[in-house]
Amino acid sequence: MNQITTLIFDIGGVIFRAAGGPPLREKWAAKCGLDFQTFDEIVFNSPLYDKAAIGEISSEEVWADRNTKLGLSENDLQELKAEYYHGRWDLDLMENIQALAPYYKLGIISDATSGTRERVSQNIDISLFQSVIFSYEAGVRKPDPKIYHQSLRELDIPAQEALFIDDRQINIDGAEAVGMLGYLYEELRPFQDFMLTIAKPK
């Protein structure tokens, strides 16, 4: 194994676990008078999300389009948005990352829409990371190789020295295609065990 000097983390599904799931979908589908699948397509599979994720439109424009189809009152829309963005920040993982900071360069690559940097900065210390790339700011999203190369340039390292941690295999495949080592994240303990197999850089 090449010497790993740098750890690059995804946010959603790794550092942050969204609370939205079947209960949220069922509640709001019923409130909108829609079946589960139709609500899911409007809110969680909006075709405009792809444009927002690369910064072509704002997240507010995506929500406006969603609500054109949902027909919620302003109060209900704000409640739905709050629940949509609600979740759990993995503070145990963040403590683990902080403990690794003296030994590794740290980076973030996250697919996201406008406003994410502000929300993330309110919940975790992003100053721990030497490179923080959000897709809506970069104009490209995973697994496009350009976003991984941008991270490598900002961190000033060759791909072979980077470990990319993400919860989606397609994004791991994208990182490995440019020469990084990939780790498919599920839970903290297996990740900690995996890190023990990597010699800390001198």
N, C-alpha and C. Protein backbone atom coordinates (compact mmCIF):
# COMPACT_ATOMS: atom_id res chain seq x y z
N MET A 1 0.84 -1.20 0.00
CA MET A 1 0.00 0.00 0.00
C MET A 1 0.88 1.24 0.00
N ASN A 2 0.53 2.23 -0.82
CA ASN A 2 1.26 3.48 -0.81
C ASN A 2 1.06 4.19 0.52
N GLN A 3 2.05 5.03 0.89
CA GLN A 3 1.92 5.78 2.12
C GLN A 3 0.80 6.81 1.99
N ILE A 4 -0.16 6.76 2.89
CA ILE A 4 -1.28 7.70 2.87
C ILE A 4 -0.92 8.89 3.75
N THR A 5 -0.94 10.08 3.15
CA THR A 5 -0.64 11.31 3.89
C THR A 5 -1.88 12.18 4.08
N THR A 6 -2.98 11.82 3.39
CA THR A 6 -4.12 12.72 3.32
C THR A 6 -5.43 11.94 3.38
N LEU A 7 -6.38 12.46 4.17
CA LEU A 7 -7.71 11.86 4.28
C LEU A 7 -8.73 12.87 3.76
N ILE A 8 -9.56 12.43 2.82
CA ILE A 8 -10.56 13.32 2.21
C ILE A 8 -11.94 12.71 2.47
N PHE A 9 -12.80 13.47 3.13
CA PHE A 9 -14.09 12.97 3.58
C PHE A 9 -15.25 13.56 2.78
N ASP A 10 -16.26 12.73 2.54
CA ASP A 10 -17.58 13.19 2.14
C ASP A 10 -18.28 13.70 3.40
N ILE A 11 -19.35 14.49 3.22
CA ILE A 11 -20.13 14.92 4.39
C ILE A 11 -21.41 14.10 4.53
N GLY A 12 -22.34 14.22 3.59
CA GLY A 12 -23.62 13.53 3.70
C GLY A 12 -23.47 12.03 3.67
N GLY A 13 -23.93 11.35 4.72
CA GLY A 13 -23.80 9.90 4.81
C GLY A 13 -22.55 9.47 5.54
N VAL A 14 -21.67 10.43 5.84
CA VAL A 14 -20.43 10.12 6.57
C VAL A 14 -20.39 10.99 7.84
N ILE A 15 -20.03 12.26 7.70
CA ILE A 15 -19.98 13.15 8.86
C ILE A 15 -21.40 13.55 9.29
N PHE A 16 -22.30 13.62 8.33
CA PHE A 16 -23.69 13.99 8.62
C PHE A 16 -24.62 12.88 8.15
N ARG A 17 -25.54 12.49 9.03
CA ARG A 17 -26.53 11.46 8.68
C ARG A 17 -27.92 12.11 8.66
N ALA A 18 -28.50 12.23 7.48
CA ALA A 18 -29.82 12.85 7.35
C ALA A 18 -30.87 12.01 8.06
N ALA A 19 -31.84 12.71 8.68
CA ALA A 19 -32.91 12.02 9.38
C ALA A 19 -34.07 11.67 8.46
N GLY A 20 -34.13 12.33 7.31
CA GLY A 20 -35.23 12.08 6.38
C GLY A 20 -35.25 10.64 5.90
N GLY A 21 -36.41 10.06 5.85
CA GLY A 21 -36.56 8.68 5.43
C GLY A 21 -38.03 8.38 5.26
N PRO A 22 -38.42 7.11 5.28
CA PRO A 22 -39.83 6.77 5.10
C PRO A 22 -40.79 7.52 6.00
N PRO A 23 -40.50 7.71 7.32
CA PRO A 23 -41.47 8.46 8.15
C PRO A 23 -41.71 9.88 7.63
N LEU A 24 -40.63 10.59 7.27
CA LEU A 24 -40.78 11.94 6.75
C LEU A 24 -41.56 11.92 5.45
N ARG A 25 -41.24 11.01 4.57
CA ARG A 25 -41.92 10.93 3.28
C ARG A 25 -43.41 10.62 3.46
N GLU A 26 -43.72 9.67 4.34
CA GLU A 26 -45.11 9.29 4.55
C GLU A 26 -45.92 10.44 5.15
N LYS A 27 -45.35 11.13 6.12
CA LYS A 27 -46.02 12.25 6.76
C LYS A 27 -46.36 13.33 5.74
N TRP A 28 -45.37 13.72 4.93
CA TRP A 28 -45.57 14.84 4.04
C TRP A 28 -46.33 14.44 2.77
N ALA A 29 -46.20 13.22 2.35
CA ALA A 29 -47.00 12.75 1.21
C ALA A 29 -48.48 12.84 1.56
N ALA A 30 -48.81 12.38 2.79
CA ALA A 30 -50.21 12.44 3.23
C ALA A 30 -50.67 13.89 3.35
N LYS A 31 -49.81 14.75 3.87
CA LYS A 31 -50.17 16.15 4.06
C LYS A 31 -50.42 16.84 2.72
N CYS A 32 -49.70 16.41 1.69
CA CYS A 32 -49.85 17.01 0.36
C CYS A 32 -50.92 16.30 -0.47
N GLY A 33 -51.49 15.23 0.07
CA GLY A 33 -52.49 14.49 -0.68
C GLY A 33 -51.91 13.71 -1.84
N LEU A 34 -50.67 13.25 -1.66
CA LEU A 34 -49.97 12.52 -2.73
C LEU A 34 -49.63 11.11 -2.25
N ASP A 35 -49.42 10.22 -3.19
CA ASP A 35 -48.90 8.91 -2.80
C ASP A 35 -47.40 9.03 -2.54
N PHE A 36 -46.88 8.05 -1.82
CA PHE A 36 -45.48 8.05 -1.39
C PHE A 36 -44.53 8.26 -2.57
N GLN A 37 -44.73 7.49 -3.64
CA GLN A 37 -43.81 7.53 -4.78
C GLN A 37 -43.81 8.90 -5.46
N THR A 38 -44.99 9.50 -5.62
CA THR A 38 -45.07 10.80 -6.28
C THR A 38 -44.36 11.86 -5.44
N PHE A 39 -44.59 11.85 -4.12
CA PHE A 39 -43.90 12.80 -3.24
C PHE A 39 -42.39 12.61 -3.32
N ASP A 40 -41.96 11.36 -3.31
CA ASP A 40 -40.54 11.04 -3.37
C ASP A 40 -39.90 11.59 -4.64
N GLU A 41 -40.59 11.45 -5.76
CA GLU A 41 -40.07 11.95 -7.03
C GLU A 41 -39.94 13.47 -7.02
N ILE A 42 -40.91 14.15 -6.42
CA ILE A 42 -40.90 15.61 -6.40
C ILE A 42 -39.80 16.16 -5.49
N VAL A 43 -39.68 15.59 -4.29
CA VAL A 43 -38.79 16.17 -3.28
C VAL A 43 -37.39 15.57 -3.29
N PHE A 44 -37.29 14.26 -3.43
CA PHE A 44 -35.99 13.63 -3.30
C PHE A 44 -35.34 13.27 -4.63
N ASN A 45 -36.09 13.33 -5.70
CA ASN A 45 -35.52 13.03 -7.02
C ASN A 45 -35.82 14.14 -8.02
N SER A 46 -35.83 15.38 -7.53
CA SER A 46 -36.10 16.51 -8.41
C SER A 46 -35.07 16.59 -9.51
N PRO A 47 -35.50 16.69 -10.77
CA PRO A 47 -34.53 16.80 -11.87
C PRO A 47 -33.71 18.08 -11.79
N LEU A 48 -34.20 19.07 -11.03
CA LEU A 48 -33.44 20.31 -10.90
C LEU A 48 -32.29 20.19 -9.90
N TYR A 49 -32.31 19.14 -9.07
CA TYR A 49 -31.23 18.99 -8.08
C TYR A 49 -29.87 18.91 -8.76
N ASP A 50 -29.80 18.20 -9.88
CA ASP A 50 -28.52 18.05 -10.56
C ASP A 50 -27.96 19.40 -10.98
N LYS A 51 -28.83 20.32 -11.40
CA LYS A 51 -28.37 21.66 -11.76
C LYS A 51 -27.92 22.44 -10.53
N ALA A 52 -28.67 22.28 -9.44
CA ALA A 52 -28.31 22.98 -8.20
C ALA A 52 -27.00 22.45 -7.63
N ALA A 53 -26.74 21.16 -7.80
CA ALA A 53 -25.53 20.55 -7.25
C ALA A 53 -24.26 21.02 -7.95
N ILE A 54 -24.40 21.60 -9.14
CA ILE A 54 -23.22 22.15 -9.83
C ILE A 54 -23.32 23.67 -9.94
N GLY A 55 -24.21 24.25 -9.14
CA GLY A 55 -24.27 25.70 -9.03
C GLY A 55 -24.95 26.43 -10.16
N GLU A 56 -25.66 25.72 -11.03
CA GLU A 56 -26.34 26.39 -12.14
C GLU A 56 -27.60 27.11 -11.67
N ILE A 57 -28.23 26.60 -10.62
CA ILE A 57 -29.37 27.26 -9.99
C ILE A 57 -29.20 27.15 -8.49
N SER A 58 -29.95 27.93 -7.73
CA SER A 58 -29.84 27.91 -6.27
C SER A 58 -30.74 26.84 -5.67
N SER A 59 -30.48 26.52 -4.42
CA SER A 59 -31.35 25.57 -3.72
C SER A 59 -32.75 26.15 -3.56
N GLU A 60 -32.85 27.49 -3.43
CA GLU A 60 -34.17 28.11 -3.30
C GLU A 60 -35.00 27.92 -4.57
N GLU A 61 -34.34 27.94 -5.72
CA GLU A 61 -35.05 27.69 -6.97
C GLU A 61 -35.56 26.26 -7.04
N VAL A 62 -34.78 25.33 -6.50
CA VAL A 62 -35.23 23.93 -6.45
C VAL A 62 -36.46 23.81 -5.55
N TRP A 63 -36.41 24.47 -4.39
CA TRP A 63 -37.54 24.40 -3.48
C TRP A 63 -38.78 25.07 -4.07
N ALA A 64 -38.59 26.17 -4.79
CA ALA A 64 -39.73 26.83 -5.43
C ALA A 64 -40.40 25.90 -6.44
N ASP A 65 -39.58 25.18 -7.19
CA ASP A 65 -40.13 24.22 -8.16
C ASP A 65 -40.85 23.08 -7.45
N ARG A 66 -40.25 22.58 -6.37
CA ARG A 66 -40.90 21.52 -5.60
C ARG A 66 -42.27 21.98 -5.11
N ASN A 67 -42.32 23.20 -4.58
CA ASN A 67 -43.58 23.65 -3.99
C ASN A 67 -44.62 24.03 -5.03
N THR A 68 -44.19 24.31 -6.25
CA THR A 68 -45.17 24.47 -7.33
C THR A 68 -45.98 23.20 -7.49
N LYS A 69 -45.32 22.07 -7.27
CA LYS A 69 -45.98 20.77 -7.41
C LYS A 69 -46.67 20.34 -6.12
N LEU A 70 -46.13 20.78 -4.95
CA LEU A 70 -46.69 20.35 -3.67
C LEU A 70 -47.85 21.24 -3.21
N GLY A 71 -47.76 22.53 -3.48
CA GLY A 71 -48.83 23.45 -3.10
C GLY A 71 -48.96 23.68 -1.61
N LEU A 72 -47.83 23.73 -0.88
CA LEU A 72 -47.86 23.95 0.56
C LEU A 72 -47.97 25.43 0.90
N SER A 73 -48.49 25.72 2.09
CA SER A 73 -48.43 27.09 2.60
C SER A 73 -46.98 27.42 2.92
N GLU A 74 -46.68 28.70 3.09
CA GLU A 74 -45.31 29.10 3.39
C GLU A 74 -44.84 28.47 4.71
N ASN A 75 -45.69 28.45 5.72
CA ASN A 75 -45.32 27.84 7.00
C ASN A 75 -45.03 26.35 6.85
N ASP A 76 -45.89 25.67 6.10
CA ASP A 76 -45.67 24.23 5.90
C ASP A 76 -44.41 23.98 5.08
N LEU A 77 -44.16 24.83 4.10
CA LEU A 77 -42.94 24.67 3.30
C LEU A 77 -41.70 24.82 4.17
N GLN A 78 -41.69 25.82 5.03
CA GLN A 78 -40.53 26.01 5.91
C GLN A 78 -40.37 24.85 6.87
N GLU A 79 -41.48 24.27 7.33
CA GLU A 79 -41.41 23.10 8.21
C GLU A 79 -40.84 21.90 7.47
N LEU A 80 -41.28 21.70 6.23
CA LEU A 80 -40.74 20.60 5.43
C LEU A 80 -39.25 20.78 5.20
N LYS A 81 -38.84 21.98 4.86
CA LYS A 81 -37.41 22.24 4.63
C LYS A 81 -36.59 21.96 5.88
N ALA A 82 -37.11 22.37 7.04
CA ALA A 82 -36.39 22.13 8.29
C ALA A 82 -36.22 20.63 8.54
N GLU A 83 -37.26 19.87 8.26
CA GLU A 83 -37.19 18.42 8.47
C GLU A 83 -36.30 17.76 7.41
N TYR A 84 -36.33 18.28 6.20
CA TYR A 84 -35.51 17.77 5.10
C TYR A 84 -34.02 17.89 5.44
N TYR A 85 -33.64 19.02 6.03
CA TYR A 85 -32.23 19.26 6.35
C TYR A 85 -31.82 18.75 7.72
N HIS A 86 -32.79 18.25 8.49
CA HIS A 86 -32.48 17.79 9.84
C HIS A 86 -31.72 16.46 9.79
N GLY A 87 -30.82 16.30 10.74
CA GLY A 87 -30.08 15.05 10.82
C GLY A 87 -29.12 15.07 11.99
N ARG A 88 -28.21 14.12 12.01
CA ARG A 88 -27.27 13.97 13.12
C ARG A 88 -25.83 14.17 12.62
N TRP A 89 -25.16 15.12 13.25
CA TRP A 89 -23.74 15.30 12.98
C TRP A 89 -22.98 14.28 13.82
N ASP A 90 -22.11 13.53 13.20
CA ASP A 90 -21.39 12.48 13.91
C ASP A 90 -20.21 13.09 14.65
N LEU A 91 -20.46 13.51 15.88
CA LEU A 91 -19.43 14.18 16.66
C LEU A 91 -18.33 13.22 17.08
N ASP A 92 -18.65 11.93 17.20
CA ASP A 92 -17.61 10.94 17.51
C ASP A 92 -16.63 10.83 16.34
N LEU A 93 -17.15 10.83 15.12
CA LEU A 93 -16.27 10.80 13.96
C LEU A 93 -15.45 12.08 13.89
N MET A 94 -16.07 13.22 14.18
CA MET A 94 -15.33 14.47 14.15
C MET A 94 -14.20 14.47 15.19
N GLU A 95 -14.45 13.90 16.37
CA GLU A 95 -13.39 13.77 17.38
C GLU A 95 -12.25 12.90 16.84
N ASN A 96 -12.63 11.83 16.14
CA ASN A 96 -11.64 10.94 15.54
C ASN A 96 -10.82 11.68 14.48
N ILE A 97 -11.49 12.49 13.66
CA ILE A 97 -10.81 13.27 12.64
C ILE A 97 -9.85 14.26 13.28
N GLN A 98 -10.30 14.89 14.34
CA GLN A 98 -9.45 15.85 15.05
C GLN A 98 -8.20 15.16 15.60
N ALA A 99 -8.36 13.93 16.09
CA ALA A 99 -7.22 13.19 16.60
C ALA A 99 -6.24 12.82 15.50
N LEU A 100 -6.76 12.67 14.25
CA LEU A 100 -5.90 12.32 13.12
C LEU A 100 -5.21 13.54 12.50
N ALA A 101 -5.73 14.73 12.82
CA ALA A 101 -5.24 15.95 12.18
C ALA A 101 -3.74 16.19 12.32
N PRO A 102 -3.10 15.84 13.45
CA PRO A 102 -1.65 16.06 13.53
C PRO A 102 -0.83 15.17 12.59
N TYR A 103 -1.45 14.11 12.08
CA TYR A 103 -0.72 13.12 11.29
C TYR A 103 -1.03 13.16 9.80
N TYR A 104 -2.17 13.76 9.43
CA TYR A 104 -2.61 13.75 8.03
C TYR A 104 -3.10 15.12 7.60
N LYS A 105 -2.93 15.42 6.32
CA LYS A 105 -3.70 16.50 5.73
C LYS A 105 -5.15 16.05 5.65
N LEU A 106 -6.07 17.01 5.73
CA LEU A 106 -7.49 16.67 5.71
C LEU A 106 -8.22 17.48 4.64
N GLY A 107 -9.17 16.83 3.97
CA GLY A 107 -9.97 17.50 2.96
C GLY A 107 -11.41 17.04 3.01
N ILE A 108 -12.27 17.80 2.33
CA ILE A 108 -13.68 17.45 2.15
C ILE A 108 -14.03 17.59 0.68
N ILE A 109 -14.76 16.62 0.16
CA ILE A 109 -15.41 16.73 -1.15
C ILE A 109 -16.86 16.32 -0.95
N SER A 110 -17.78 17.26 -1.18
CA SER A 110 -19.18 16.98 -0.90
C SER A 110 -20.08 17.51 -2.01
N ASP A 111 -20.97 16.67 -2.51
CA ASP A 111 -22.02 17.13 -3.42
C ASP A 111 -23.04 17.89 -2.58
N ALA A 112 -23.36 19.11 -2.99
CA ALA A 112 -24.24 19.94 -2.18
C ALA A 112 -24.80 21.08 -3.02
N THR A 113 -25.82 21.75 -2.46
CA THR A 113 -26.43 22.90 -3.12
C THR A 113 -26.16 24.17 -2.30
N SER A 114 -26.51 25.31 -2.86
CA SER A 114 -26.18 26.59 -2.25
C SER A 114 -26.65 26.68 -0.80
N GLY A 115 -25.83 27.31 0.02
CA GLY A 115 -26.13 27.45 1.44
C GLY A 115 -25.50 26.39 2.31
N THR A 116 -24.93 25.35 1.69
CA THR A 116 -24.38 24.24 2.47
C THR A 116 -23.16 24.66 3.28
N ARG A 117 -22.27 25.46 2.70
CA ARG A 117 -21.07 25.86 3.45
C ARG A 117 -21.46 26.54 4.77
N GLU A 118 -22.47 27.39 4.70
CA GLU A 118 -22.91 28.09 5.91
C GLU A 118 -23.49 27.11 6.93
N ARG A 119 -24.33 26.17 6.48
CA ARG A 119 -24.91 25.19 7.41
C ARG A 119 -23.84 24.31 8.03
N VAL A 120 -22.90 23.87 7.22
CA VAL A 120 -21.83 23.01 7.74
C VAL A 120 -20.97 23.76 8.75
N SER A 121 -20.63 25.01 8.43
CA SER A 121 -19.77 25.80 9.32
C SER A 121 -20.41 26.07 10.67
N GLN A 122 -21.74 26.03 10.73
CA GLN A 122 -22.44 26.24 12.00
C GLN A 122 -22.41 25.00 12.88
N ASN A 123 -22.03 23.86 12.30
CA ASN A 123 -22.13 22.60 13.04
C ASN A 123 -20.81 21.89 13.28
N ILE A 124 -19.84 22.08 12.42
CA ILE A 124 -18.53 21.46 12.63
C ILE A 124 -17.44 22.47 12.32
N ASP A 125 -16.26 22.21 12.81
CA ASP A 125 -15.11 23.10 12.61
C ASP A 125 -14.43 22.75 11.29
N ILE A 126 -14.80 23.48 10.21
CA ILE A 126 -14.20 23.13 8.92
C ILE A 126 -12.78 23.67 8.78
N SER A 127 -12.32 24.45 9.78
CA SER A 127 -10.94 24.92 9.73
C SER A 127 -9.95 23.76 9.94
N LEU A 128 -10.46 22.59 10.38
CA LEU A 128 -9.60 21.41 10.50
C LEU A 128 -9.13 20.92 9.14
N PHE A 129 -9.87 21.28 8.08
CA PHE A 129 -9.63 20.74 6.75
C PHE A 129 -8.89 21.76 5.88
N GLN A 130 -7.81 21.29 5.24
CA GLN A 130 -7.02 22.19 4.41
C GLN A 130 -7.67 22.48 3.05
N SER A 131 -8.60 21.64 2.65
CA SER A 131 -9.35 21.86 1.41
C SER A 131 -10.79 21.43 1.65
N VAL A 132 -11.74 22.34 1.33
CA VAL A 132 -13.17 22.04 1.48
C VAL A 132 -13.84 22.38 0.15
N ILE A 133 -14.28 21.35 -0.56
CA ILE A 133 -14.87 21.54 -1.88
C ILE A 133 -16.33 21.11 -1.86
N PHE A 134 -17.22 22.05 -2.18
CA PHE A 134 -18.63 21.76 -2.37
C PHE A 134 -18.93 21.84 -3.86
N SER A 135 -19.69 20.88 -4.34
CA SER A 135 -19.90 20.77 -5.78
C SER A 135 -20.55 22.01 -6.38
N TYR A 136 -21.46 22.66 -5.64
CA TYR A 136 -22.14 23.82 -6.21
C TYR A 136 -21.18 24.99 -6.40
N GLU A 137 -20.10 25.03 -5.63
CA GLU A 137 -19.08 26.06 -5.80
C GLU A 137 -18.08 25.68 -6.88
N ALA A 138 -17.80 24.37 -7.00
CA ALA A 138 -16.81 23.90 -7.97
C ALA A 138 -17.37 23.81 -9.38
N GLY A 139 -18.70 23.73 -9.49
CA GLY A 139 -19.32 23.59 -10.81
C GLY A 139 -19.23 22.18 -11.36
N VAL A 140 -18.93 21.22 -10.52
CA VAL A 140 -18.81 19.82 -10.93
C VAL A 140 -19.05 18.96 -9.70
N ARG A 141 -19.59 17.76 -9.90
CA ARG A 141 -19.90 16.89 -8.77
C ARG A 141 -19.30 15.51 -8.98
N LYS A 142 -19.24 14.76 -7.86
CA LYS A 142 -18.76 13.39 -7.93
C LYS A 142 -19.72 12.56 -8.79
N PRO A 143 -19.23 11.59 -9.54
CA PRO A 143 -17.86 11.08 -9.58
C PRO A 143 -17.01 11.66 -10.72
N ASP A 144 -17.33 12.87 -11.19
CA ASP A 144 -16.52 13.49 -12.24
C ASP A 144 -15.08 13.63 -11.76
N PRO A 145 -14.10 13.17 -12.53
CA PRO A 145 -12.70 13.24 -12.08
C PRO A 145 -12.22 14.65 -11.78
N LYS A 146 -12.85 15.66 -12.36
CA LYS A 146 -12.38 17.03 -12.14
C LYS A 146 -12.45 17.44 -10.67
N ILE A 147 -13.47 16.97 -9.96
CA ILE A 147 -13.60 17.39 -8.57
C ILE A 147 -12.53 16.75 -7.69
N TYR A 148 -12.14 15.53 -8.01
CA TYR A 148 -11.06 14.88 -7.26
C TYR A 148 -9.72 15.55 -7.57
N HIS A 149 -9.51 15.88 -8.84
CA HIS A 149 -8.25 16.55 -9.21
C HIS A 149 -8.15 17.93 -8.57
N GLN A 150 -9.28 18.63 -8.44
CA GLN A 150 -9.25 19.94 -7.77
C GLN A 150 -8.81 19.78 -6.32
N SER A 151 -9.33 18.77 -5.65
CA SER A 151 -8.94 18.52 -4.27
C SER A 151 -7.45 18.20 -4.17
N LEU A 152 -6.96 17.37 -5.06
CA LEU A 152 -5.54 17.02 -5.04
C LEU A 152 -4.66 18.25 -5.26
N ARG A 153 -5.09 19.14 -6.16
CA ARG A 153 -4.31 20.37 -6.39
C ARG A 153 -4.30 21.25 -5.15
N GLU A 154 -5.46 21.41 -4.53
CA GLU A 154 -5.54 22.28 -3.34
C GLU A 154 -4.73 21.71 -2.18
N LEU A 155 -4.69 20.39 -2.08
CA LEU A 155 -3.94 19.75 -1.00
C LEU A 155 -2.48 19.54 -1.36
N ASP A 156 -2.15 19.74 -2.64
CA ASP A 156 -0.78 19.63 -3.15
C ASP A 156 -0.18 18.25 -2.86
N ILE A 157 -0.93 17.23 -3.29
CA ILE A 157 -0.46 15.85 -3.09
C ILE A 157 -0.73 15.04 -4.36
N PRO A 158 0.05 13.97 -4.58
CA PRO A 158 -0.30 13.03 -5.65
C PRO A 158 -1.48 12.17 -5.22
N ALA A 159 -2.22 11.68 -6.20
CA ALA A 159 -3.41 10.88 -5.90
C ALA A 159 -3.10 9.67 -5.03
N GLN A 160 -1.93 9.08 -5.22
CA GLN A 160 -1.59 7.85 -4.51
C GLN A 160 -1.46 8.05 -2.99
N GLU A 161 -1.38 9.31 -2.55
CA GLU A 161 -1.24 9.57 -1.12
C GLU A 161 -2.58 9.87 -0.44
N ALA A 162 -3.67 9.83 -1.20
CA ALA A 162 -4.97 10.23 -0.66
C ALA A 162 -5.87 9.03 -0.41
N LEU A 163 -6.54 9.04 0.74
CA LEU A 163 -7.61 8.10 1.05
C LEU A 163 -8.91 8.88 1.00
N PHE A 164 -9.84 8.45 0.14
CA PHE A 164 -11.13 9.12 0.01
C PHE A 164 -12.20 8.30 0.70
N ILE A 165 -12.95 8.93 1.61
CA ILE A 165 -13.95 8.24 2.42
C ILE A 165 -15.34 8.74 2.03
N ASP A 166 -16.20 7.84 1.55
CA ASP A 166 -17.53 8.21 1.07
C ASP A 166 -18.47 7.04 1.36
N ASP A 167 -19.79 7.32 1.38
CA ASP A 167 -20.76 6.26 1.65
C ASP A 167 -21.38 5.70 0.38
N ARG A 168 -20.94 6.15 -0.80
CA ARG A 168 -21.51 5.66 -2.06
C ARG A 168 -20.41 5.06 -2.92
N GLN A 169 -20.64 3.84 -3.39
CA GLN A 169 -19.63 3.13 -4.15
C GLN A 169 -19.28 3.85 -5.45
N ILE A 170 -20.26 4.48 -6.08
CA ILE A 170 -19.98 5.18 -7.34
C ILE A 170 -18.96 6.29 -7.14
N ASN A 171 -19.00 6.94 -5.97
CA ASN A 171 -18.04 8.01 -5.69
C ASN A 171 -16.67 7.45 -5.33
N ILE A 172 -16.66 6.31 -4.65
CA ILE A 172 -15.40 5.61 -4.38
C ILE A 172 -14.74 5.20 -5.70
N ASP A 173 -15.55 4.66 -6.61
CA ASP A 173 -15.02 4.25 -7.92
C ASP A 173 -14.40 5.45 -8.65
N GLY A 174 -15.06 6.61 -8.56
CA GLY A 174 -14.53 7.80 -9.20
C GLY A 174 -13.19 8.21 -8.63
N ALA A 175 -13.05 8.12 -7.31
CA ALA A 175 -11.78 8.46 -6.66
C ALA A 175 -10.68 7.48 -7.05
N GLU A 176 -11.03 6.20 -7.06
CA GLU A 176 -10.04 5.19 -7.41
C GLU A 176 -9.61 5.30 -8.86
N ALA A 177 -10.51 5.79 -9.72
CA ALA A 177 -10.18 5.96 -11.14
C ALA A 177 -9.09 7.00 -11.37
N VAL A 178 -8.96 7.96 -10.44
CA VAL A 178 -7.90 8.96 -10.59
C VAL A 178 -6.67 8.60 -9.77
N GLY A 179 -6.69 7.43 -9.13
CA GLY A 179 -5.50 6.95 -8.44
C GLY A 179 -5.54 7.01 -6.93
N MET A 180 -6.64 7.49 -6.34
CA MET A 180 -6.77 7.52 -4.89
C MET A 180 -7.10 6.12 -4.35
N LEU A 181 -6.90 5.95 -3.07
CA LEU A 181 -7.43 4.79 -2.36
C LEU A 181 -8.81 5.17 -1.87
N GLY A 182 -9.77 4.28 -1.99
CA GLY A 182 -11.13 4.57 -1.55
C GLY A 182 -11.54 3.71 -0.37
N TYR A 183 -12.39 4.28 0.49
CA TYR A 183 -12.95 3.53 1.62
C TYR A 183 -14.44 3.80 1.68
N LEU A 184 -15.24 2.73 1.60
CA LEU A 184 -16.70 2.84 1.65
C LEU A 184 -17.12 2.89 3.11
N TYR A 185 -17.60 4.06 3.54
CA TYR A 185 -17.90 4.28 4.96
C TYR A 185 -19.30 3.80 5.33
N GLU A 186 -19.38 3.08 6.46
CA GLU A 186 -20.67 2.67 7.01
C GLU A 186 -20.80 3.08 8.47
N GLU A 187 -19.83 2.70 9.28
CA GLU A 187 -19.86 3.04 10.71
C GLU A 187 -18.45 3.41 11.17
N LEU A 188 -18.39 4.10 12.33
CA LEU A 188 -17.12 4.60 12.82
C LEU A 188 -16.15 3.49 13.20
N ARG A 189 -16.62 2.48 13.93
CA ARG A 189 -15.69 1.46 14.44
C ARG A 189 -14.93 0.74 13.33
N PRO A 190 -15.61 0.26 12.27
CA PRO A 190 -14.84 -0.36 11.19
C PRO A 190 -13.84 0.60 10.54
N PHE A 191 -14.20 1.88 10.46
CA PHE A 191 -13.27 2.86 9.92
C PHE A 191 -12.05 3.00 10.82
N GLN A 192 -12.26 3.05 12.13
CA GLN A 192 -11.14 3.12 13.06
C GLN A 192 -10.23 1.91 12.92
N ASP A 193 -10.84 0.73 12.79
CA ASP A 193 -10.05 -0.49 12.61
C ASP A 193 -9.24 -0.43 11.32
N PHE A 194 -9.88 0.09 10.27
CA PHE A 194 -9.18 0.21 8.99
C PHE A 194 -7.99 1.16 9.11
N MET A 195 -8.17 2.28 9.81
CA MET A 195 -7.09 3.25 9.94
C MET A 195 -5.89 2.67 10.68
N LEU A 196 -6.13 1.69 11.55
CA LEU A 196 -5.02 1.05 12.26
C LEU A 196 -4.13 0.26 11.32
N THR A 197 -4.66 -0.09 10.14
CA THR A 197 -3.86 -0.85 9.17
C THR A 197 -2.98 0.06 8.32
N ILE A 198 -3.19 1.38 8.45
CA ILE A 198 -2.42 2.34 7.64
C ILE A 198 -1.37 2.98 8.54
N ALA A 199 -0.12 2.85 8.15
CA ALA A 199 0.95 3.46 8.94
C ALA A 199 0.83 4.97 8.88
N LYS A 200 0.88 5.63 10.04
CA LYS A 200 0.82 7.08 10.05
C LYS A 200 2.08 7.66 9.37
N PRO A 201 1.90 8.72 8.58
CA PRO A 201 3.05 9.31 7.90
C PRO A 201 4.07 9.85 8.89
N LYS A 202 5.33 9.79 8.51
CA LYS A 202 6.40 10.27 9.40
C LYS A 202 6.44 11.79 9.39
